[in-house]
Structure formats: C-alpha cells, structure tokens
Amino acid sequence: MAKNYNDIVYSETKAGKESSDIFDVLEGYLDYCRFELLEFDPSHYSVRGNHHPQFRSFLNSKRPRKPYLGKNPRYNNGERFSR
C-alpha cells in the first residue's frame, strides 16, 4: 500500500525543523535591528558561519551574562568572616 504523503507534517521532518530554526533566528535578528535602529538584511545570516559583524553583535547579545556583583565584590567562598 502506498504511503499517503498528505499525512506528513512538514514541520515535523528534519528539514522542517532546520528551516523553522533559521526563521526563528531571522525573526530575532529583525527585532534586534528594529530596537537598535540598524538596517535589516537577511543576507547577513550565513549558514556556513561567516557572519556579518552586525549579525555577530546580535549573537553576542543573546549569550548569557555574568551577574553583577556590585562595585567591590567579595569572593570569600561562602565564609562569613575572614580568619
């Protein structure tokens, strides 16, 4: 019996997930360009990894940051008083 290809949802296939990931990244890049008042150009995104400097700044804005510890942080490893 032949397989009915109408039952397959494109977003559930591997190619569908990869394309939706690309669209999610480009949508985030569009928001970044809109907030930073930069020119949006989808060609700045490159699958090979050679990104435009503006797109690299977008990727760097998405990475996790270290928490702010104040002006004079104390690194005492959990001890209350120095000995």
PDB file of N, CA and C in Angstrom:
ATOM      1  N   MET A   1       0.833  -1.164   0.000  1.00  0.00           N
ATOM      2  CA  MET A   1       0.000   0.000   0.000  1.00  0.00           C
ATOM      3  C   MET A   1       0.890   1.244   0.000  1.00  0.00           C
ATOM      4  N   ALA A   2       0.550   2.222  -0.775  1.00  0.00           N
ATOM      5  CA  ALA A   2       1.346   3.439  -0.890  1.00  0.00           C
ATOM      6  C   ALA A   2       1.138   4.326   0.335  1.00  0.00           C
ATOM      7  N   LYS A   3       2.208   5.014   0.671  1.00  0.00           N
ATOM      8  CA  LYS A   3       2.141   5.911   1.822  1.00  0.00           C
ATOM      9  C   LYS A   3       1.472   7.219   1.411  1.00  0.00           C
ATOM     10  N   ASN A   4       0.586   7.691   2.255  1.00  0.00           N
ATOM     11  CA  ASN A   4      -0.106   8.935   1.972  1.00  0.00           C
ATOM     12  C   ASN A   4       0.756  10.097   2.472  1.00  0.00           C
ATOM     13  N   TYR A   5       1.328  10.865   1.564  1.00  0.00           N
ATOM     14  CA  TYR A   5       2.221  11.949   1.932  1.00  0.00           C
ATOM     15  C   TYR A   5       1.487  13.180   2.448  1.00  0.00           C
ATOM     16  N   ASN A   6       0.184  13.211   2.314  1.00  0.00           N
ATOM     17  CA  ASN A   6      -0.585  14.319   2.857  1.00  0.00           C
ATOM     18  C   ASN A   6      -0.642  14.265   4.381  1.00  0.00           C
ATOM     19  N   ASP A   7      -0.384  13.092   4.961  1.00  0.00           N
ATOM     20  CA  ASP A   7      -0.430  12.941   6.411  1.00  0.00           C
ATOM     21  C   ASP A   7       0.840  13.453   7.091  1.00  0.00           C
ATOM     22  N   ILE A   8       1.922  13.619   6.337  1.00  0.00           N
ATOM     23  CA  ILE A   8       3.188  14.064   6.913  1.00  0.00           C
ATOM     24  C   ILE A   8       3.165  15.583   7.059  1.00  0.00           C
ATOM     25  N   VAL A   9       3.434  16.046   8.261  1.00  0.00           N
ATOM     26  CA  VAL A   9       3.502  17.484   8.506  1.00  0.00           C
ATOM     27  C   VAL A   9       4.943  17.909   8.271  1.00  0.00           C
ATOM     28  N   TYR A  10       5.145  18.948   7.461  1.00  0.00           N
ATOM     29  CA  TYR A  10       6.491  19.355   7.073  1.00  0.00           C
ATOM     30  C   TYR A  10       7.306  19.819   8.265  1.00  0.00           C
ATOM     31  N   SER A  11       6.675  20.445   9.243  1.00  0.00           N
ATOM     32  CA  SER A  11       7.423  20.970  10.388  1.00  0.00           C
ATOM     33  C   SER A  11       7.961  19.856  11.278  1.00  0.00           C
ATOM     34  N   GLU A  12       7.430  18.630  11.159  1.00  0.00           N
ATOM     35  CA  GLU A  12       7.917  17.517  11.965  1.00  0.00           C
ATOM     36  C   GLU A  12       9.117  16.817  11.341  1.00  0.00           C
ATOM     37  N   THR A  13       9.419  17.106  10.088  1.00  0.00           N
ATOM     38  CA  THR A  13      10.572  16.489   9.453  1.00  0.00           C
ATOM     39  C   THR A  13      11.832  17.240   9.840  1.00  0.00           C
ATOM     40  N   LYS A  14      12.974  16.619   9.586  1.00  0.00           N
ATOM     41  CA  LYS A  14      14.249  17.239   9.954  1.00  0.00           C
ATOM     42  C   LYS A  14      14.461  18.550   9.195  1.00  0.00           C
ATOM     43  N   ALA A  15      14.158  18.563   7.918  1.00  0.00           N
ATOM     44  CA  ALA A  15      14.324  19.785   7.119  1.00  0.00           C
ATOM     45  C   ALA A  15      13.368  20.869   7.599  1.00  0.00           C
ATOM     46  N   GLY A  16      12.190  20.489   8.032  1.00  0.00           N
ATOM     47  CA  GLY A  16      11.232  21.465   8.538  1.00  0.00           C
ATOM     48  C   GLY A  16      11.700  22.106   9.826  1.00  0.00           C
ATOM     49  N   LYS A  17      12.318  21.314  10.714  1.00  0.00           N
ATOM     50  CA  LYS A  17      12.820  21.867  11.967  1.00  0.00           C
ATOM     51  C   LYS A  17      13.994  22.806  11.716  1.00  0.00           C
ATOM     52  N   GLU A  18      14.879  22.436  10.782  1.00  0.00           N
ATOM     53  CA  GLU A  18      16.021  23.295  10.469  1.00  0.00           C
ATOM     54  C   GLU A  18      15.556  24.618   9.864  1.00  0.00           C
ATOM     55  N   SER A  19      14.571  24.562   8.990  1.00  0.00           N
ATOM     56  CA  SER A  19      14.090  25.804   8.379  1.00  0.00           C
ATOM     57  C   SER A  19      13.354  26.661   9.395  1.00  0.00           C
ATOM     58  N   SER A  20      12.626  26.041  10.315  1.00  0.00           N
ATOM     59  CA  SER A  20      11.943  26.850  11.329  1.00  0.00           C
ATOM     60  C   SER A  20      12.957  27.460  12.287  1.00  0.00           C
ATOM     61  N   ASP A  21      14.085  26.771  12.560  1.00  0.00           N
ATOM     62  CA  ASP A  21      15.134  27.352  13.392  1.00  0.00           C
ATOM     63  C   ASP A  21      15.742  28.577  12.708  1.00  0.00           C
ATOM     64  N   ILE A  22      15.951  28.491  11.417  1.00  0.00           N
ATOM     65  CA  ILE A  22      16.506  29.616  10.666  1.00  0.00           C
ATOM     66  C   ILE A  22      15.551  30.800  10.719  1.00  0.00           C
ATOM     67  N   PHE A  23      14.264  30.521  10.556  1.00  0.00           N
ATOM     68  CA  PHE A  23      13.281  31.607  10.599  1.00  0.00           C
ATOM     69  C   PHE A  23      13.184  32.211  11.988  1.00  0.00           C
ATOM     70  N   ASP A  24      13.342  31.393  13.044  1.00  0.00           N
ATOM     71  CA  ASP A  24      13.333  31.927  14.408  1.00  0.00           C
ATOM     72  C   ASP A  24      14.528  32.856  14.639  1.00  0.00           C
ATOM     73  N   VAL A  25      15.696  32.466  14.130  1.00  0.00           N
ATOM     74  CA  VAL A  25      16.891  33.303  14.275  1.00  0.00           C
ATOM     75  C   VAL A  25      16.712  34.607  13.506  1.00  0.00           C
ATOM     76  N   LEU A  26      16.194  34.522  12.290  1.00  0.00           N
ATOM     77  CA  LEU A  26      15.997  35.736  11.494  1.00  0.00           C
ATOM     78  C   LEU A  26      14.936  36.646  12.104  1.00  0.00           C
ATOM     79  N   GLU A  27      13.927  36.069  12.731  1.00  0.00           N
ATOM     80  CA  GLU A  27      12.917  36.884  13.388  1.00  0.00           C
ATOM     81  C   GLU A  27      13.518  37.610  14.594  1.00  0.00           C
ATOM     82  N   GLY A  28      14.367  36.915  15.348  1.00  0.00           N
ATOM     83  CA  GLY A  28      15.061  37.566  16.459  1.00  0.00           C
ATOM     84  C   GLY A  28      16.007  38.647  15.969  1.00  0.00           C
ATOM     85  N   TYR A  29      16.675  38.392  14.852  1.00  0.00           N
ATOM     86  CA  TYR A  29      17.585  39.384  14.263  1.00  0.00           C
ATOM     87  C   TYR A  29      16.807  40.611  13.781  1.00  0.00           C
ATOM     88  N   LEU A  30      15.610  40.390  13.241  1.00  0.00           N
ATOM     89  CA  LEU A  30      14.764  41.506  12.824  1.00  0.00           C
ATOM     90  C   LEU A  30      14.390  42.375  14.024  1.00  0.00           C
ATOM     91  N   ASP A  31      14.024  41.745  15.135  1.00  0.00           N
ATOM     92  CA  ASP A  31      13.695  42.502  16.344  1.00  0.00           C
ATOM     93  C   ASP A  31      14.910  43.269  16.855  1.00  0.00           C
ATOM     94  N   TYR A  32      16.077  42.620  16.832  1.00  0.00           N
ATOM     95  CA  TYR A  32      17.308  43.283  17.282  1.00  0.00           C
ATOM     96  C   TYR A  32      17.598  44.517  16.422  1.00  0.00           C
ATOM     97  N   CYS A  33      17.477  44.378  15.107  1.00  0.00           N
ATOM     98  CA  CYS A  33      17.735  45.508  14.205  1.00  0.00           C
ATOM     99  C   CYS A  33      16.718  46.622  14.427  1.00  0.00           C
ATOM    100  N   ARG A  34      15.478  46.249  14.710  1.00  0.00           N
ATOM    101  CA  ARG A  34      14.454  47.257  14.932  1.00  0.00           C
ATOM    102  C   ARG A  34      14.725  48.035  16.220  1.00  0.00           C
ATOM    103  N   PHE A  35      15.139  47.342  17.295  1.00  0.00           N
ATOM    104  CA  PHE A  35      15.406  48.016  18.562  1.00  0.00           C
ATOM    105  C   PHE A  35      16.687  48.835  18.520  1.00  0.00           C
ATOM    106  N   GLU A  36      17.690  48.378  17.780  1.00  0.00           N
ATOM    107  CA  GLU A  36      18.969  49.081  17.706  1.00  0.00           C
ATOM    108  C   GLU A  36      19.023  50.084  16.552  1.00  0.00           C
ATOM    109  N   LEU A  37      17.921  50.207  15.808  1.00  0.00           N
ATOM    110  CA  LEU A  37      17.824  51.117  14.659  1.00  0.00           C
ATOM    111  C   LEU A  37      18.902  50.832  13.607  1.00  0.00           C
ATOM    112  N   LEU A  38      19.048  49.549  13.297  1.00  0.00           N
ATOM    113  CA  LEU A  38      20.003  49.108  12.290  1.00  0.00           C
ATOM    114  C   LEU A  38      19.250  48.635  11.051  1.00  0.00           C
ATOM    115  N   GLU A  39      19.950  48.576   9.947  1.00  0.00           N
ATOM    116  CA  GLU A  39      19.347  48.095   8.707  1.00  0.00           C
ATOM    117  C   GLU A  39      19.260  46.579   8.749  1.00  0.00           C
ATOM    118  N   PHE A  40      18.069  46.034   8.507  1.00  0.00           N
ATOM    119  CA  PHE A  40      17.871  44.591   8.493  1.00  0.00           C
ATOM    120  C   PHE A  40      18.148  44.056   7.102  1.00  0.00           C
ATOM    121  N   ASP A  41      19.033  43.082   7.022  1.00  0.00           N
ATOM    122  CA  ASP A  41      19.330  42.425   5.762  1.00  0.00           C
ATOM    123  C   ASP A  41      19.463  40.932   6.050  1.00  0.00           C
ATOM    124  N   PRO A  42      18.548  40.096   5.570  1.00  0.00           N
ATOM    125  CA  PRO A  42      18.610  38.666   5.874  1.00  0.00           C
ATOM    126  C   PRO A  42      19.866  37.988   5.335  1.00  0.00           C
ATOM    127  N   SER A  43      20.554  38.618   4.396  1.00  0.00           N
ATOM    128  CA  SER A  43      21.761  38.002   3.858  1.00  0.00           C
ATOM    129  C   SER A  43      22.925  38.080   4.851  1.00  0.00           C
ATOM    130  N   HIS A  44      22.758  38.829   5.943  1.00  0.00           N
ATOM    131  CA  HIS A  44      23.805  38.865   6.966  1.00  0.00           C
ATOM    132  C   HIS A  44      23.921  37.524   7.677  1.00  0.00           C
ATOM    133  N   TYR A  45      22.840  36.751   7.685  1.00  0.00           N
ATOM    134  CA  TYR A  45      22.873  35.411   8.285  1.00  0.00           C
ATOM    135  C   TYR A  45      23.466  34.445   7.277  1.00  0.00           C
ATOM    136  N   SER A  46      24.497  33.741   7.687  1.00  0.00           N
ATOM    137  CA  SER A  46      25.140  32.769   6.811  1.00  0.00           C
ATOM    138  C   SER A  46      25.147  31.419   7.497  1.00  0.00           C
ATOM    139  N   VAL A  47      24.758  30.385   6.778  1.00  0.00           N
ATOM    140  CA  VAL A  47      24.716  29.048   7.354  1.00  0.00           C
ATOM    141  C   VAL A  47      26.128  28.529   7.590  1.00  0.00           C
ATOM    142  N   ARG A  48      27.082  28.952   6.798  1.00  0.00           N
ATOM    143  CA  ARG A  48      28.451  28.450   6.903  1.00  0.00           C
ATOM    144  C   ARG A  48      29.194  29.004   8.108  1.00  0.00           C
ATOM    145  N   GLY A  49      28.708  30.063   8.721  1.00  0.00           N
ATOM    146  CA  GLY A  49      29.355  30.608   9.903  1.00  0.00           C
ATOM    147  C   GLY A  49      30.107  31.894   9.661  1.00  0.00           C
ATOM    148  N   ASN A  50      30.223  32.352   8.420  1.00  0.00           N
ATOM    149  CA  ASN A  50      30.876  33.632   8.142  1.00  0.00           C
ATOM    150  C   ASN A  50      29.821  34.722   8.232  1.00  0.00           C
ATOM    151  N   HIS A  51      29.594  35.193   9.444  1.00  0.00           N
ATOM    152  CA  HIS A  51      28.526  36.151   9.679  1.00  0.00           C
ATOM    153  C   HIS A  51      29.018  37.582   9.498  1.00  0.00           C
ATOM    154  N   HIS A  52      28.111  38.445   9.186  1.00  0.00           N
ATOM    155  CA  HIS A  52      28.340  39.877   9.107  1.00  0.00           C
ATOM    156  C   HIS A  52      28.605  40.398  10.529  1.00  0.00           C
ATOM    157  N   PRO A  53      29.456  41.412  10.703  1.00  0.00           N
ATOM    158  CA  PRO A  53      29.731  41.919  12.059  1.00  0.00           C
ATOM    159  C   PRO A  53      28.475  42.365  12.807  1.00  0.00           C
ATOM    160  N   GLN A  54      27.508  42.904  12.100  1.00  0.00           N
ATOM    161  CA  GLN A  54      26.258  43.307  12.740  1.00  0.00           C
ATOM    162  C   GLN A  54      25.509  42.091  13.265  1.00  0.00           C
ATOM    163  N   PHE A  55      25.522  40.986  12.531  1.00  0.00           N
ATOM    164  CA  PHE A  55      24.857  39.769  12.979  1.00  0.00           C
ATOM    165  C   PHE A  55      25.618  39.148  14.138  1.00  0.00           C
ATOM    166  N   ARG A  56      26.952  39.246  14.132  1.00  0.00           N
ATOM    167  CA  ARG A  56      27.735  38.740  15.266  1.00  0.00           C
ATOM    168  C   ARG A  56      27.402  39.491  16.544  1.00  0.00           C
ATOM    169  N   SER A  57      27.164  40.794  16.444  1.00  0.00           N
ATOM    170  CA  SER A  57      26.785  41.562  17.633  1.00  0.00           C
ATOM    171  C   SER A  57      25.412  41.108  18.142  1.00  0.00           C
ATOM    172  N   PHE A  58      24.518  40.710  17.230  1.00  0.00           N
ATOM    173  CA  PHE A  58      23.228  40.144  17.644  1.00  0.00           C
ATOM    174  C   PHE A  58      23.435  38.838  18.387  1.00  0.00           C
ATOM    175  N   LEU A  59      24.304  37.966  17.866  1.00  0.00           N
ATOM    176  CA  LEU A  59      24.556  36.687  18.535  1.00  0.00           C
ATOM    177  C   LEU A  59      25.192  36.901  19.907  1.00  0.00           C
ATOM    178  N   ASN A  60      26.089  37.876  20.014  1.00  0.00           N
ATOM    179  CA  ASN A  60      26.717  38.156  21.301  1.00  0.00           C
ATOM    180  C   ASN A  60      25.716  38.724  22.302  1.00  0.00           C
ATOM    181  N   SER A  61      24.695  39.399  21.827  1.00  0.00           N
ATOM    182  CA  SER A  61      23.693  39.942  22.742  1.00  0.00           C
ATOM    183  C   SER A  61      22.819  38.842  23.328  1.00  0.00           C
ATOM    184  N   LYS A  62      22.798  37.675  22.721  1.00  0.00           N
ATOM    185  CA  LYS A  62      21.962  36.572  23.189  1.00  0.00           C
ATOM    186  C   LYS A  62      22.674  35.628  24.154  1.00  0.00           C
ATOM    187  N   ARG A  63      23.984  35.781  24.337  1.00  0.00           N
ATOM    188  CA  ARG A  63      24.708  34.861  25.206  1.00  0.00           C
ATOM    189  C   ARG A  63      24.472  35.228  26.675  1.00  0.00           C
ATOM    190  N   PRO A  64      24.571  34.264  27.570  1.00  0.00           N
ATOM    191  CA  PRO A  64      24.340  34.551  28.986  1.00  0.00           C
ATOM    192  C   PRO A  64      25.430  35.443  29.573  1.00  0.00           C
ATOM    193  N   ARG A  65      25.054  36.292  30.493  1.00  0.00           N
ATOM    194  CA  ARG A  65      25.976  37.233  31.124  1.00  0.00           C
ATOM    195  C   ARG A  65      26.241  36.813  32.562  1.00  0.00           C
ATOM    196  N   LYS A  66      27.395  37.239  33.090  1.00  0.00           N
ATOM    197  CA  LYS A  66      27.682  37.029  34.495  1.00  0.00           C
ATOM    198  C   LYS A  66      26.848  38.007  35.317  1.00  0.00           C
ATOM    199  N   PRO A  67      26.376  37.581  36.479  1.00  0.00           N
ATOM    200  CA  PRO A  67      25.581  38.506  37.286  1.00  0.00           C
ATOM    201  C   PRO A  67      26.440  39.630  37.846  1.00  0.00           C
ATOM    202  N   TYR A  68      25.836  40.782  38.025  1.00  0.00           N
ATOM    203  CA  TYR A  68      26.537  41.937  38.575  1.00  0.00           C
ATOM    204  C   TYR A  68      26.695  41.735  40.080  1.00  0.00           C
ATOM    205  N   LEU A  69      27.938  41.833  40.580  1.00  0.00           N
ATOM    206  CA  LEU A  69      28.217  41.584  41.985  1.00  0.00           C
ATOM    207  C   LEU A  69      28.414  42.857  42.784  1.00  0.00           C
ATOM    208  N   GLY A  70      28.228  43.999  42.191  1.00  0.00           N
ATOM    209  CA  GLY A  70      28.390  45.256  42.887  1.00  0.00           C
ATOM    210  C   GLY A  70      29.736  45.890  42.589  1.00  0.00           C
ATOM    211  N   LYS A  71      29.988  47.020  43.232  1.00  0.00           N
ATOM    212  CA  LYS A  71      31.207  47.769  42.960  1.00  0.00           C
ATOM    213  C   LYS A  71      32.448  47.051  43.466  1.00  0.00           C
ATOM    214  N   ASN A  72      32.389  46.524  44.678  1.00  0.00           N
ATOM    215  CA  ASN A  72      33.524  45.813  45.286  1.00  0.00           C
ATOM    216  C   ASN A  72      33.099  44.400  45.664  1.00  0.00           C
ATOM    217  N   PRO A  73      33.128  43.472  44.723  1.00  0.00           N
ATOM    218  CA  PRO A  73      32.665  42.124  45.050  1.00  0.00           C
ATOM    219  C   PRO A  73      33.626  41.414  46.008  1.00  0.00           C
ATOM    220  N   ARG A  74      33.058  40.614  46.878  1.00  0.00           N
ATOM    221  CA  ARG A  74      33.857  39.842  47.838  1.00  0.00           C
ATOM    222  C   ARG A  74      33.774  38.371  47.451  1.00  0.00           C
ATOM    223  N   TYR A  75      34.892  37.791  47.248  1.00  0.00           N
ATOM    224  CA  TYR A  75      34.964  36.375  46.909  1.00  0.00           C
ATOM    225  C   TYR A  75      35.483  35.637  48.129  1.00  0.00           C
ATOM    226  N   ASN A  76      34.588  35.262  49.045  1.00  0.00           N
ATOM    227  CA  ASN A  76      35.012  34.596  50.269  1.00  0.00           C
ATOM    228  C   ASN A  76      34.576  33.139  50.319  1.00  0.00           C
ATOM    229  N   ASN A  77      34.073  32.615  49.246  1.00  0.00           N
ATOM    230  CA  ASN A  77      33.727  31.204  49.120  1.00  0.00           C
ATOM    231  C   ASN A  77      32.762  30.736  50.201  1.00  0.00           C
ATOM    232  N   GLY A  78      31.809  31.568  50.572  1.00  0.00           N
ATOM    233  CA  GLY A  78      30.763  31.161  51.499  1.00  0.00           C
ATOM    234  C   GLY A  78      31.089  31.371  52.960  1.00  0.00           C
ATOM    235  N   GLU A  79      32.260  31.830  53.287  1.00  0.00           N
ATOM    236  CA  GLU A  79      32.575  32.087  54.701  1.00  0.00           C
ATOM    237  C   GLU A  79      32.097  33.475  55.055  1.00  0.00           C
ATOM    238  N   ARG A  80      31.587  33.628  56.283  1.00  0.00           N
ATOM    239  CA  ARG A  80      31.059  34.932  56.693  1.00  0.00           C
ATOM    240  C   ARG A  80      32.169  35.873  57.133  1.00  0.00           C
ATOM    241  N   PHE A  81      33.140  35.361  57.879  1.00  0.00           N
ATOM    242  CA  PHE A  81      34.197  36.210  58.416  1.00  0.00           C
ATOM    243  C   PHE A  81      35.556  35.694  57.972  1.00  0.00           C
ATOM    244  N   SER A  82      36.474  36.592  57.737  1.00  0.00           N
ATOM    245  CA  SER A  82      37.832  36.161  57.395  1.00  0.00           C
ATOM    246  C   SER A  82      38.564  35.784  58.664  1.00  0.00           C
ATOM    247  N   ARG A  83      39.445  34.813  58.588  1.00  0.00           N
ATOM    248  CA  ARG A  83      40.159  34.334  59.778  1.00  0.00           C
ATOM    249  C   ARG A  83      41.588  34.777  59.766  1.00  0.00           C
TER     250      ARG A  83
END
